[in-house]
Amino acid sequence: MKNSLKGFIALLITTLIWGGAFVAQTAASDSVPAFAFNASRSLLATVFLFVFILIRSRIAASIKNDKLSTSIKGGIICGLSLFVATNLQQFGISSYPEGVAASGRAGFLTATYVVMVAVAVLFIRKRIALLVIISAAICLTGMYFLSLSDGIDNVYPADVPLFLCAVAFAVYIMIIDRFAYADPVLMSCIQFAVVTVLSTISTLLFESCTISSIIEVFFPIAFAGIFSSGIAYTLQIVGQKYIEPSAASIIMSLESVFAAFFGWIILGERLGAKELFGCSLVFMSIILSQIPTMINRKNVSIS
């Protein structure tokens, strides 16, 4: 019970920080391109976590050889997945036209990974719950109102990378579950080192960005790097030690609520009535998709 509570609190703090990070990402998106932004934030996260490891004097004695190996392997694999997910997300956010509530829209589209995680968990168990099928249909309906409420002309190109970002985050959550018993700080430090290297290479190859433009948005990058990446992603690894993926994802889905809330409070963003209805449907689907796993009722599933 205590471990479950610890996991719940860790994931709740994670979602609160992530919700604020959408605002930081939106604020920096006009000045710094996606790869450069994630290279900068991931570098800060890597340094922050590395310093924390050095300060934690018991690190050498507390990590056994098998846990060290698992942490390194998990960090590299998580880093590859996170590189794809975070850059797709930032590219999507920076691609919205002026006047679109980017933080709230991106937050809810990203949150559809919860449905994907539930389906993945049940697929691995060779069963697909009827309620998951229903929740997926509700989710697609919600995404229609959120993205296509005014017809096909209202489809934003930015919606595509954000949906793919949700797929990448679903994969990321499942990978973390596989390496749940690694050292969370060391694994997180390694994953952001991987993201830093890959994002820096991508910046040099595909983008044009100056140091001065990064300095101009230093505070959003610092928030995203230290709090969202260094702290929140590490807390996610901690939380998933004690809570299974499908149950963890419903808690992390609150990220979308916090994203819309902070976008409204800080950026003055607005969502129309149809978009709010779509958001409500997406959030409803997120909750419904978790019920079969939480109650484990075999009589509501189909082969």
C-alpha atoms as a PDB file:
ATOM      1  CA  MET A   1       0.000   0.000   0.000  1.00  0.00           C
ATOM      2  CA  LYS A   2       2.796   2.398   0.910  1.00  0.00           C
ATOM      3  CA  ASN A   3       4.639   1.642  -2.333  1.00  0.00           C
ATOM      4  CA  SER A   4       1.468   2.223  -4.377  1.00  0.00           C
ATOM      5  CA  LEU A   5       0.964   5.558  -2.640  1.00  0.00           C
ATOM      6  CA  LYS A   6       4.588   6.468  -3.329  1.00  0.00           C
ATOM      7  CA  GLY A   7       4.101   5.631  -7.000  1.00  0.00           C
ATOM      8  CA  PHE A   8       0.863   7.617  -7.174  1.00  0.00           C
ATOM      9  CA  ILE A   9       2.438  10.727  -5.634  1.00  0.00           C
ATOM     10  CA  ALA A  10       5.484  10.479  -7.920  1.00  0.00           C
ATOM     11  CA  LEU A  11       3.314  10.253 -11.032  1.00  0.00           C
ATOM     12  CA  LEU A  12       0.968  13.003  -9.852  1.00  0.00           C
ATOM     13  CA  ILE A  13       3.896  15.401  -9.397  1.00  0.00           C
ATOM     14  CA  THR A  14       5.163  14.300 -12.793  1.00  0.00           C
ATOM     15  CA  THR A  15       1.920  15.255 -14.545  1.00  0.00           C
ATOM     16  CA  LEU A  16       1.756  18.616 -12.784  1.00  0.00           C
ATOM     17  CA  ILE A  17       5.250  19.503 -13.989  1.00  0.00           C
ATOM     18  CA  TRP A  18       4.581  18.199 -17.501  1.00  0.00           C
ATOM     19  CA  GLY A  19       1.439  20.324 -17.745  1.00  0.00           C
ATOM     20  CA  GLY A  20       3.517  23.430 -17.053  1.00  0.00           C
ATOM     21  CA  ALA A  21       6.149  22.226 -19.503  1.00  0.00           C
ATOM     22  CA  PHE A  22       3.698  22.511 -22.391  1.00  0.00           C
ATOM     23  CA  VAL A  23       3.586  26.248 -21.705  1.00  0.00           C
ATOM     24  CA  ALA A  24       7.389  26.426 -21.627  1.00  0.00           C
ATOM     25  CA  GLN A  25       7.607  24.461 -24.877  1.00  0.00           C
ATOM     26  CA  THR A  26       5.057  26.750 -26.528  1.00  0.00           C
ATOM     27  CA  ALA A  27       6.860  29.874 -25.306  1.00  0.00           C
ATOM     28  CA  ALA A  28      10.178  28.686 -26.739  1.00  0.00           C
ATOM     29  CA  SER A  29       8.813  27.267 -29.995  1.00  0.00           C
ATOM     30  CA  ASP A  30       8.847  30.592 -31.872  1.00  0.00           C
ATOM     31  CA  SER A  31      12.532  31.247 -31.168  1.00  0.00           C
ATOM     32  CA  VAL A  32      14.210  27.827 -31.082  1.00  0.00           C
ATOM     33  CA  PRO A  33      13.553  24.904 -33.489  1.00  0.00           C
ATOM     34  CA  ALA A  34      12.576  21.490 -32.157  1.00  0.00           C
ATOM     35  CA  PHE A  35      15.906  19.638 -32.246  1.00  0.00           C
ATOM     36  CA  ALA A  36      17.823  22.577 -30.763  1.00  0.00           C
ATOM     37  CA  PHE A  37      15.232  22.966 -28.006  1.00  0.00           C
ATOM     38  CA  ASN A  38      15.417  19.305 -27.020  1.00  0.00           C
ATOM     39  CA  ALA A  39      19.206  19.240 -27.285  1.00  0.00           C
ATOM     40  CA  SER A  40      19.361  22.181 -24.858  1.00  0.00           C
ATOM     41  CA  ARG A  41      16.800  20.872 -22.377  1.00  0.00           C
ATOM     42  CA  SER A  42      18.266  17.359 -22.446  1.00  0.00           C
ATOM     43  CA  LEU A  43      21.788  18.683 -21.865  1.00  0.00           C
ATOM     44  CA  LEU A  44      20.547  20.558 -18.794  1.00  0.00           C
ATOM     45  CA  ALA A  45      18.740  17.433 -17.604  1.00  0.00           C
ATOM     46  CA  THR A  46      21.854  15.289 -18.089  1.00  0.00           C
ATOM     47  CA  VAL A  47      24.067  17.727 -16.162  1.00  0.00           C
ATOM     48  CA  PHE A  48      21.456  18.127 -13.414  1.00  0.00           C
ATOM     49  CA  LEU A  49      21.095  14.369 -12.923  1.00  0.00           C
ATOM     50  CA  PHE A  50      24.843  13.739 -13.185  1.00  0.00           C
ATOM     51  CA  VAL A  51      25.492  16.278 -10.435  1.00  0.00           C
ATOM     52  CA  PHE A  52      22.769  14.646  -8.360  1.00  0.00           C
ATOM     53  CA  ILE A  53      24.467  11.266  -8.827  1.00  0.00           C
ATOM     54  CA  LEU A  54      27.805  12.701  -7.720  1.00  0.00           C
ATOM     55  CA  ILE A  55      26.211  14.260  -4.650  1.00  0.00           C
ATOM     56  CA  ARG A  56      24.513  11.003  -3.786  1.00  0.00           C
ATOM     57  CA  SER A  57      27.635   9.583  -2.206  1.00  0.00           C
ATOM     58  CA  ARG A  58      26.168   6.104  -1.831  1.00  0.00           C
ATOM     59  CA  ILE A  59      25.812   5.648  -5.590  1.00  0.00           C
ATOM     60  CA  ALA A  60      28.835   3.333  -5.964  1.00  0.00           C
ATOM     61  CA  ALA A  61      27.714   1.054  -3.167  1.00  0.00           C
ATOM     62  CA  SER A  62      23.989   1.174  -3.882  1.00  0.00           C
ATOM     63  CA  ILE A  63      24.054  -0.013  -7.485  1.00  0.00           C
ATOM     64  CA  LYS A  64      24.883  -3.665  -7.975  1.00  0.00           C
ATOM     65  CA  ASN A  65      26.526  -4.844 -11.171  1.00  0.00           C
ATOM     66  CA  ASP A  66      23.292  -6.333 -12.512  1.00  0.00           C
ATOM     67  CA  LYS A  67      21.353  -3.147 -11.752  1.00  0.00           C
ATOM     68  CA  LEU A  68      24.122  -1.038 -13.318  1.00  0.00           C
ATOM     69  CA  SER A  69      23.941  -3.071 -16.512  1.00  0.00           C
ATOM     70  CA  THR A  70      20.133  -2.839 -16.563  1.00  0.00           C
ATOM     71  CA  SER A  71      20.254   0.918 -15.953  1.00  0.00           C
ATOM     72  CA  ILE A  72      22.669   1.494 -18.829  1.00  0.00           C
ATOM     73  CA  LYS A  73      20.759  -0.724 -21.238  1.00  0.00           C
ATOM     74  CA  GLY A  74      17.422   0.752 -20.195  1.00  0.00           C
ATOM     75  CA  GLY A  75      18.759   4.297 -20.427  1.00  0.00           C
ATOM     76  CA  ILE A  76      19.992   3.804 -23.993  1.00  0.00           C
ATOM     77  CA  ILE A  77      16.761   2.192 -25.214  1.00  0.00           C
ATOM     78  CA  CYS A  78      14.587   4.747 -23.393  1.00  0.00           C
ATOM     79  CA  GLY A  79      16.750   7.538 -24.796  1.00  0.00           C
ATOM     80  CA  LEU A  80      16.138   6.383 -28.375  1.00  0.00           C
ATOM     81  CA  SER A  81      12.380   6.254 -27.812  1.00  0.00           C
ATOM     82  CA  LEU A  82      12.327   9.561 -25.945  1.00  0.00           C
ATOM     83  CA  PHE A  83      14.333  11.261 -28.710  1.00  0.00           C
ATOM     84  CA  VAL A  84      11.605  10.376 -31.202  1.00  0.00           C
ATOM     85  CA  ALA A  85       8.723  11.271 -28.867  1.00  0.00           C
ATOM     86  CA  THR A  86       9.964  14.637 -27.573  1.00  0.00           C
ATOM     87  CA  ASN A  87      11.085  15.912 -30.959  1.00  0.00           C
ATOM     88  CA  LEU A  88       7.812  14.956 -32.617  1.00  0.00           C
ATOM     89  CA  GLN A  89       6.016  16.728 -29.795  1.00  0.00           C
ATOM     90  CA  GLN A  90       8.073  19.902 -30.008  1.00  0.00           C
ATOM     91  CA  PHE A  91       7.877  19.964 -33.802  1.00  0.00           C
ATOM     92  CA  GLY A  92       4.096  19.673 -33.587  1.00  0.00           C
ATOM     93  CA  ILE A  93       3.764  22.429 -31.000  1.00  0.00           C
ATOM     94  CA  SER A  94       5.960  24.810 -33.008  1.00  0.00           C
ATOM     95  CA  SER A  95       3.991  24.125 -36.220  1.00  0.00           C
ATOM     96  CA  TYR A  96       0.589  25.408 -35.110  1.00  0.00           C
ATOM     97  CA  PRO A  97      -0.550  28.684 -36.695  1.00  0.00           C
ATOM     98  CA  GLU A  98      -1.093  31.765 -34.571  1.00  0.00           C
ATOM     99  CA  GLY A  99      -4.387  31.777 -32.722  1.00  0.00           C
ATOM    100  CA  VAL A 100      -4.509  28.030 -32.087  1.00  0.00           C
ATOM    101  CA  ALA A 101      -4.480  26.921 -28.433  1.00  0.00           C
ATOM    102  CA  ALA A 102      -1.266  24.948 -28.915  1.00  0.00           C
ATOM    103  CA  SER A 103      -0.657  23.955 -25.276  1.00  0.00           C
ATOM    104  CA  GLY A 104      -4.105  22.504 -24.616  1.00  0.00           C
ATOM    105  CA  ARG A 105      -4.431  20.914 -28.056  1.00  0.00           C
ATOM    106  CA  ALA A 106      -0.980  19.324 -27.890  1.00  0.00           C
ATOM    107  CA  GLY A 107      -1.599  18.182 -24.334  1.00  0.00           C
ATOM    108  CA  PHE A 108      -4.778  16.299 -25.169  1.00  0.00           C
ATOM    109  CA  LEU A 109      -3.463  14.807 -28.417  1.00  0.00           C
ATOM    110  CA  THR A 110      -0.367  13.578 -26.586  1.00  0.00           C
ATOM    111  CA  ALA A 111      -2.576  12.105 -23.849  1.00  0.00           C
ATOM    112  CA  THR A 112      -4.089   9.630 -26.304  1.00  0.00           C
ATOM    113  CA  TYR A 113      -1.077   7.441 -25.540  1.00  0.00           C
ATOM    114  CA  VAL A 114      -3.092   6.226 -22.560  1.00  0.00           C
ATOM    115  CA  VAL A 115      -5.514   4.383 -24.816  1.00  0.00           C
ATOM    116  CA  MET A 116      -2.593   2.974 -26.797  1.00  0.00           C
ATOM    117  CA  VAL A 117      -0.899   1.684 -23.637  1.00  0.00           C
ATOM    118  CA  ALA A 118      -4.095  -0.029 -22.474  1.00  0.00           C
ATOM    119  CA  VAL A 119      -4.512  -1.709 -25.857  1.00  0.00           C
ATOM    120  CA  ALA A 120      -0.840  -2.747 -25.898  1.00  0.00           C
ATOM    121  CA  VAL A 121      -1.059  -4.289 -22.426  1.00  0.00           C
ATOM    122  CA  LEU A 122      -4.185  -6.235 -23.304  1.00  0.00           C
ATOM    123  CA  PHE A 123      -2.776  -7.292 -26.684  1.00  0.00           C
ATOM    124  CA  ILE A 124       0.282  -8.753 -24.969  1.00  0.00           C
ATOM    125  CA  ARG A 125      -2.075 -10.723 -22.760  1.00  0.00           C
ATOM    126  CA  LYS A 126      -3.844 -12.013 -25.905  1.00  0.00           C
ATOM    127  CA  ARG A 127      -7.175 -10.428 -24.913  1.00  0.00           C
ATOM    128  CA  ILE A 128      -8.901  -7.229 -25.995  1.00  0.00           C
ATOM    129  CA  ALA A 129     -11.485  -5.926 -23.554  1.00  0.00           C
ATOM    130  CA  LEU A 130     -14.780  -4.742 -24.995  1.00  0.00           C
ATOM    131  CA  LEU A 131     -14.561  -1.578 -22.926  1.00  0.00           C
ATOM    132  CA  VAL A 132     -11.181  -0.795 -24.464  1.00  0.00           C
ATOM    133  CA  ILE A 133     -12.718  -1.035 -27.945  1.00  0.00           C
ATOM    134  CA  ILE A 134     -15.472   1.348 -26.837  1.00  0.00           C
ATOM    135  CA  SER A 135     -12.967   3.749 -25.294  1.00  0.00           C
ATOM    136  CA  ALA A 136     -10.901   3.737 -28.486  1.00  0.00           C
ATOM    137  CA  ALA A 137     -14.013   4.679 -30.492  1.00  0.00           C
ATOM    138  CA  ILE A 138     -14.781   7.474 -28.037  1.00  0.00           C
ATOM    139  CA  CYS A 139     -11.176   8.651 -28.281  1.00  0.00           C
ATOM    140  CA  LEU A 140     -11.336   8.814 -32.090  1.00  0.00           C
ATOM    141  CA  THR A 141     -14.610  10.749 -31.838  1.00  0.00           C
ATOM    142  CA  GLY A 142     -13.022  13.156 -29.386  1.00  0.00           C
ATOM    143  CA  MET A 143     -10.023  13.636 -31.660  1.00  0.00           C
ATOM    144  CA  TYR A 144     -12.435  14.431 -34.517  1.00  0.00           C
ATOM    145  CA  PHE A 145     -14.054  17.256 -32.535  1.00  0.00           C
ATOM    146  CA  LEU A 146     -10.673  18.396 -31.272  1.00  0.00           C
ATOM    147  CA  SER A 147      -8.926  18.382 -34.656  1.00  0.00           C
ATOM    148  CA  LEU A 148     -11.630  18.304 -37.344  1.00  0.00           C
ATOM    149  CA  SER A 149     -14.597  20.080 -35.768  1.00  0.00           C
ATOM    150  CA  ASP A 150     -14.899  22.554 -38.668  1.00  0.00           C
ATOM    151  CA  GLY A 151     -14.353  19.997 -41.428  1.00  0.00           C
ATOM    152  CA  ILE A 152     -11.322  18.801 -43.295  1.00  0.00           C
ATOM    153  CA  ASP A 153     -10.012  22.332 -43.800  1.00  0.00           C
ATOM    154  CA  ASN A 154      -9.452  22.552 -40.072  1.00  0.00           C
ATOM    155  CA  VAL A 155      -6.926  19.710 -39.989  1.00  0.00           C
ATOM    156  CA  TYR A 156      -3.612  21.175 -38.869  1.00  0.00           C
ATOM    157  CA  PRO A 157      -0.394  19.563 -40.112  1.00  0.00           C
ATOM    158  CA  ALA A 158       0.855  19.815 -36.507  1.00  0.00           C
ATOM    159  CA  ASP A 159      -1.779  17.270 -35.415  1.00  0.00           C
ATOM    160  CA  VAL A 160       0.058  14.494 -37.276  1.00  0.00           C
ATOM    161  CA  PRO A 161       3.433  14.635 -35.447  1.00  0.00           C
ATOM    162  CA  LEU A 162       1.584  15.012 -32.133  1.00  0.00           C
ATOM    163  CA  PHE A 163      -0.395  11.845 -32.774  1.00  0.00           C
ATOM    164  CA  LEU A 164       2.811  10.027 -33.741  1.00  0.00           C
ATOM    165  CA  CYS A 165       4.358  11.495 -30.592  1.00  0.00           C
ATOM    166  CA  ALA A 166       1.605   9.783 -28.582  1.00  0.00           C
ATOM    167  CA  VAL A 167       2.519   6.462 -30.216  1.00  0.00           C
ATOM    168  CA  ALA A 168       6.184   7.006 -29.322  1.00  0.00           C
ATOM    169  CA  PHE A 169       5.307   7.847 -25.723  1.00  0.00           C
ATOM    170  CA  ALA A 170       3.185   4.690 -25.473  1.00  0.00           C
ATOM    171  CA  VAL A 171       6.236   2.682 -26.550  1.00  0.00           C
ATOM    172  CA  TYR A 172       8.356   4.633 -24.049  1.00  0.00           C
ATOM    173  CA  ILE A 173       6.009   3.770 -21.168  1.00  0.00           C
ATOM    174  CA  MET A 174       6.134   0.083 -22.038  1.00  0.00           C
ATOM    175  CA  ILE A 175       9.943   0.188 -22.196  1.00  0.00           C
ATOM    176  CA  ILE A 176      10.122   1.782 -18.748  1.00  0.00           C
ATOM    177  CA  ASP A 177       7.949  -1.019 -17.395  1.00  0.00           C
ATOM    178  CA  ARG A 178      10.464  -3.501 -18.805  1.00  0.00           C
ATOM    179  CA  PHE A 179      13.328  -1.778 -16.937  1.00  0.00           C
ATOM    180  CA  ALA A 180      11.321  -0.704 -13.881  1.00  0.00           C
ATOM    181  CA  TYR A 181      13.838  -2.079 -11.392  1.00  0.00           C
ATOM    182  CA  ALA A 182      16.856  -0.253 -12.759  1.00  0.00           C
ATOM    183  CA  ASP A 183      18.303   2.679 -10.843  1.00  0.00           C
ATOM    184  CA  PRO A 184      15.900   5.509 -11.855  1.00  0.00           C
ATOM    185  CA  VAL A 185      18.346   8.413 -11.576  1.00  0.00           C
ATOM    186  CA  LEU A 186      21.147   6.700 -13.471  1.00  0.00           C
ATOM    187  CA  MET A 187      18.798   5.396 -16.154  1.00  0.00           C
ATOM    188  CA  SER A 188      17.239   8.836 -16.558  1.00  0.00           C
ATOM    189  CA  CYS A 189      20.654  10.492 -16.787  1.00  0.00           C
ATOM    190  CA  ILE A 190      21.720   8.071 -19.531  1.00  0.00           C
ATOM    191  CA  GLN A 191      18.491   8.472 -21.487  1.00  0.00           C
ATOM    192  CA  PHE A 192      18.885  12.252 -21.595  1.00  0.00           C
ATOM    193  CA  ALA A 193      22.528  11.933 -22.574  1.00  0.00           C
ATOM    194  CA  VAL A 194      21.322   9.867 -25.552  1.00  0.00           C
ATOM    195  CA  VAL A 195      18.654  12.457 -26.411  1.00  0.00           C
ATOM    196  CA  THR A 196      21.252  15.245 -26.127  1.00  0.00           C
ATOM    197  CA  VAL A 197      23.648  13.581 -28.556  1.00  0.00           C
ATOM    198  CA  LEU A 198      20.977  12.653 -31.113  1.00  0.00           C
ATOM    199  CA  SER A 199      19.217  16.027 -30.927  1.00  0.00           C
ATOM    200  CA  THR A 200      22.513  17.920 -31.248  1.00  0.00           C
ATOM    201  CA  ILE A 201      23.474  15.919 -34.347  1.00  0.00           C
ATOM    202  CA  SER A 202      19.998  16.534 -35.808  1.00  0.00           C
ATOM    203  CA  THR A 203      20.294  20.274 -35.068  1.00  0.00           C
ATOM    204  CA  LEU A 204      23.598  20.499 -36.924  1.00  0.00           C
ATOM    205  CA  LEU A 205      22.207  18.542 -39.885  1.00  0.00           C
ATOM    206  CA  PHE A 206      18.710  19.970 -40.270  1.00  0.00           C
ATOM    207  CA  GLU A 207      18.327  23.247 -38.394  1.00  0.00           C
ATOM    208  CA  SER A 208      19.745  26.731 -38.138  1.00  0.00           C
ATOM    209  CA  CYS A 209      19.954  27.995 -34.583  1.00  0.00           C
ATOM    210  CA  THR A 210      22.178  30.500 -32.789  1.00  0.00           C
ATOM    211  CA  ILE A 211      23.328  30.537 -29.181  1.00  0.00           C
ATOM    212  CA  SER A 212      21.718  33.963 -28.742  1.00  0.00           C
ATOM    213  CA  SER A 213      18.276  32.601 -29.690  1.00  0.00           C
ATOM    214  CA  ILE A 214      18.664  29.861 -27.082  1.00  0.00           C
ATOM    215  CA  ILE A 215      19.694  32.410 -24.452  1.00  0.00           C
ATOM    216  CA  GLU A 216      16.588  34.482 -25.253  1.00  0.00           C
ATOM    217  CA  VAL A 217      14.347  31.641 -24.092  1.00  0.00           C
ATOM    218  CA  PHE A 218      16.672  30.303 -21.417  1.00  0.00           C
ATOM    219  CA  PHE A 219      14.028  30.194 -18.673  1.00  0.00           C
ATOM    220  CA  PRO A 220      11.513  28.048 -20.630  1.00  0.00           C
ATOM    221  CA  ILE A 221      14.377  25.757 -21.654  1.00  0.00           C
ATOM    222  CA  ALA A 222      15.648  25.633 -18.065  1.00  0.00           C
ATOM    223  CA  PHE A 223      12.177  24.715 -16.782  1.00  0.00           C
ATOM    224  CA  ALA A 224      11.761  22.039 -19.434  1.00  0.00           C
ATOM    225  CA  GLY A 225      15.299  20.755 -18.832  1.00  0.00           C
ATOM    226  CA  ILE A 226      15.547  20.693 -15.049  1.00  0.00           C
ATOM    227  CA  PHE A 227      11.952  20.242 -13.947  1.00  0.00           C
ATOM    228  CA  SER A 228      10.164  18.496 -16.830  1.00  0.00           C
ATOM    229  CA  SER A 229      13.090  16.330 -17.951  1.00  0.00           C
ATOM    230  CA  GLY A 230      15.469  16.027 -15.009  1.00  0.00           C
ATOM    231  CA  ILE A 231      12.868  15.722 -12.266  1.00  0.00           C
ATOM    232  CA  ALA A 232       9.551  14.667 -13.827  1.00  0.00           C
ATOM    233  CA  TYR A 233      10.836  11.973 -16.181  1.00  0.00           C
ATOM    234  CA  THR A 234      12.890  10.520 -13.341  1.00  0.00           C
ATOM    235  CA  LEU A 235       9.816  10.517 -11.109  1.00  0.00           C
ATOM    236  CA  GLN A 236       7.962   8.684 -13.874  1.00  0.00           C
ATOM    237  CA  ILE A 237      10.518   5.879 -13.713  1.00  0.00           C
ATOM    238  CA  VAL A 238      10.160   5.828  -9.919  1.00  0.00           C
ATOM    239  CA  GLY A 239       6.355   5.780 -10.113  1.00  0.00           C
ATOM    240  CA  GLN A 240       6.260   2.964 -12.662  1.00  0.00           C
ATOM    241  CA  LYS A 241       8.260   0.790 -10.273  1.00  0.00           C
ATOM    242  CA  TYR A 242       5.140   0.471  -8.125  1.00  0.00           C
ATOM    243  CA  ILE A 243       2.261   0.915 -10.594  1.00  0.00           C
ATOM    244  CA  GLU A 244       1.630  -1.105 -13.757  1.00  0.00           C
ATOM    245  CA  PRO A 245       1.634   0.707 -17.131  1.00  0.00           C
ATOM    246  CA  SER A 246      -2.123   0.939 -17.676  1.00  0.00           C
ATOM    247  CA  ALA A 247      -2.784   2.200 -14.150  1.00  0.00           C
ATOM    248  CA  ALA A 248       0.181   4.589 -14.356  1.00  0.00           C
ATOM    249  CA  SER A 249      -0.979   6.021 -17.657  1.00  0.00           C
ATOM    250  CA  ILE A 250      -4.354   7.106 -16.280  1.00  0.00           C
ATOM    251  CA  ILE A 251      -2.570   9.163 -13.647  1.00  0.00           C
ATOM    252  CA  MET A 252      -0.221  10.626 -16.245  1.00  0.00           C
ATOM    253  CA  SER A 253      -3.194  11.526 -18.442  1.00  0.00           C
ATOM    254  CA  LEU A 254      -3.812  14.403 -16.031  1.00  0.00           C
ATOM    255  CA  GLU A 255      -0.917  16.037 -17.879  1.00  0.00           C
ATOM    256  CA  SER A 256      -3.403  17.096 -20.557  1.00  0.00           C
ATOM    257  CA  VAL A 257      -5.681  18.746 -17.989  1.00  0.00           C
ATOM    258  CA  PHE A 258      -2.788  20.648 -16.441  1.00  0.00           C
ATOM    259  CA  ALA A 259      -1.548  21.638 -19.918  1.00  0.00           C
ATOM    260  CA  ALA A 260      -4.900  23.197 -20.821  1.00  0.00           C
ATOM    261  CA  PHE A 261      -5.146  24.837 -17.389  1.00  0.00           C
ATOM    262  CA  PHE A 262      -1.677  26.411 -17.518  1.00  0.00           C
ATOM    263  CA  GLY A 263      -2.204  27.428 -21.146  1.00  0.00           C
ATOM    264  CA  TRP A 264      -5.354  29.263 -20.081  1.00  0.00           C
ATOM    265  CA  ILE A 265      -3.793  30.860 -16.969  1.00  0.00           C
ATOM    266  CA  ILE A 266      -0.374  31.813 -18.352  1.00  0.00           C
ATOM    267  CA  LEU A 267      -0.767  32.152 -22.121  1.00  0.00           C
ATOM    268  CA  GLY A 268      -4.403  33.219 -22.221  1.00  0.00           C
ATOM    269  CA  GLU A 269      -5.245  30.410 -24.637  1.00  0.00           C
ATOM    270  CA  ARG A 270      -8.847  29.542 -25.400  1.00  0.00           C
ATOM    271  CA  LEU A 271     -10.494  26.370 -26.656  1.00  0.00           C
ATOM    272  CA  GLY A 272     -13.804  26.557 -28.517  1.00  0.00           C
ATOM    273  CA  ALA A 273     -16.916  24.702 -27.384  1.00  0.00           C
ATOM    274  CA  LYS A 274     -16.416  21.879 -29.907  1.00  0.00           C
ATOM    275  CA  GLU A 275     -12.760  21.524 -28.985  1.00  0.00           C
ATOM    276  CA  LEU A 276     -13.627  21.426 -25.283  1.00  0.00           C
ATOM    277  CA  PHE A 277     -16.217  18.744 -26.044  1.00  0.00           C
ATOM    278  CA  GLY A 278     -13.557  16.818 -27.939  1.00  0.00           C
ATOM    279  CA  CYS A 279     -11.156  17.159 -25.024  1.00  0.00           C
ATOM    280  CA  SER A 280     -13.838  15.823 -22.688  1.00  0.00           C
ATOM    281  CA  LEU A 281     -14.388  12.787 -24.900  1.00  0.00           C
ATOM    282  CA  VAL A 282     -10.661  12.085 -25.109  1.00  0.00           C
ATOM    283  CA  PHE A 283     -10.336  12.320 -21.343  1.00  0.00           C
ATOM    284  CA  MET A 284     -13.392  10.079 -20.884  1.00  0.00           C
ATOM    285  CA  SER A 285     -11.830   7.488 -23.172  1.00  0.00           C
ATOM    286  CA  ILE A 286      -8.623   7.659 -21.165  1.00  0.00           C
ATOM    287  CA  ILE A 287     -10.495   6.784 -17.992  1.00  0.00           C
ATOM    288  CA  LEU A 288     -12.636   4.056 -19.560  1.00  0.00           C
ATOM    289  CA  SER A 289      -9.622   2.377 -21.152  1.00  0.00           C
ATOM    290  CA  GLN A 290      -8.135   1.712 -17.729  1.00  0.00           C
ATOM    291  CA  ILE A 291     -11.127   0.007 -16.132  1.00  0.00           C
ATOM    292  CA  PRO A 292     -10.621  -3.522 -17.554  1.00  0.00           C
ATOM    293  CA  THR A 293      -7.041  -3.685 -16.347  1.00  0.00           C
ATOM    294  CA  MET A 294      -7.847  -2.252 -12.914  1.00  0.00           C
ATOM    295  CA  ILE A 295     -10.759  -4.572 -12.159  1.00  0.00           C
ATOM    296  CA  ASN A 296      -9.474  -7.469 -14.305  1.00  0.00           C
ATOM    297  CA  ARG A 297     -12.935  -8.682 -15.244  1.00  0.00           C
ATOM    298  CA  LYS A 298     -12.552 -11.433 -17.825  1.00  0.00           C
ATOM    299  CA  ASN A 299     -16.253 -11.576 -18.486  1.00  0.00           C
ATOM    300  CA  VAL A 300     -16.221  -8.186 -20.266  1.00  0.00           C
ATOM    301  CA  SER A 301     -13.496  -9.158 -22.713  1.00  0.00           C
ATOM    302  CA  ILE A 302     -13.542 -10.793 -26.111  1.00  0.00           C
ATOM    303  CA  SER A 303     -10.887 -12.924 -27.739  1.00  0.00           C
END
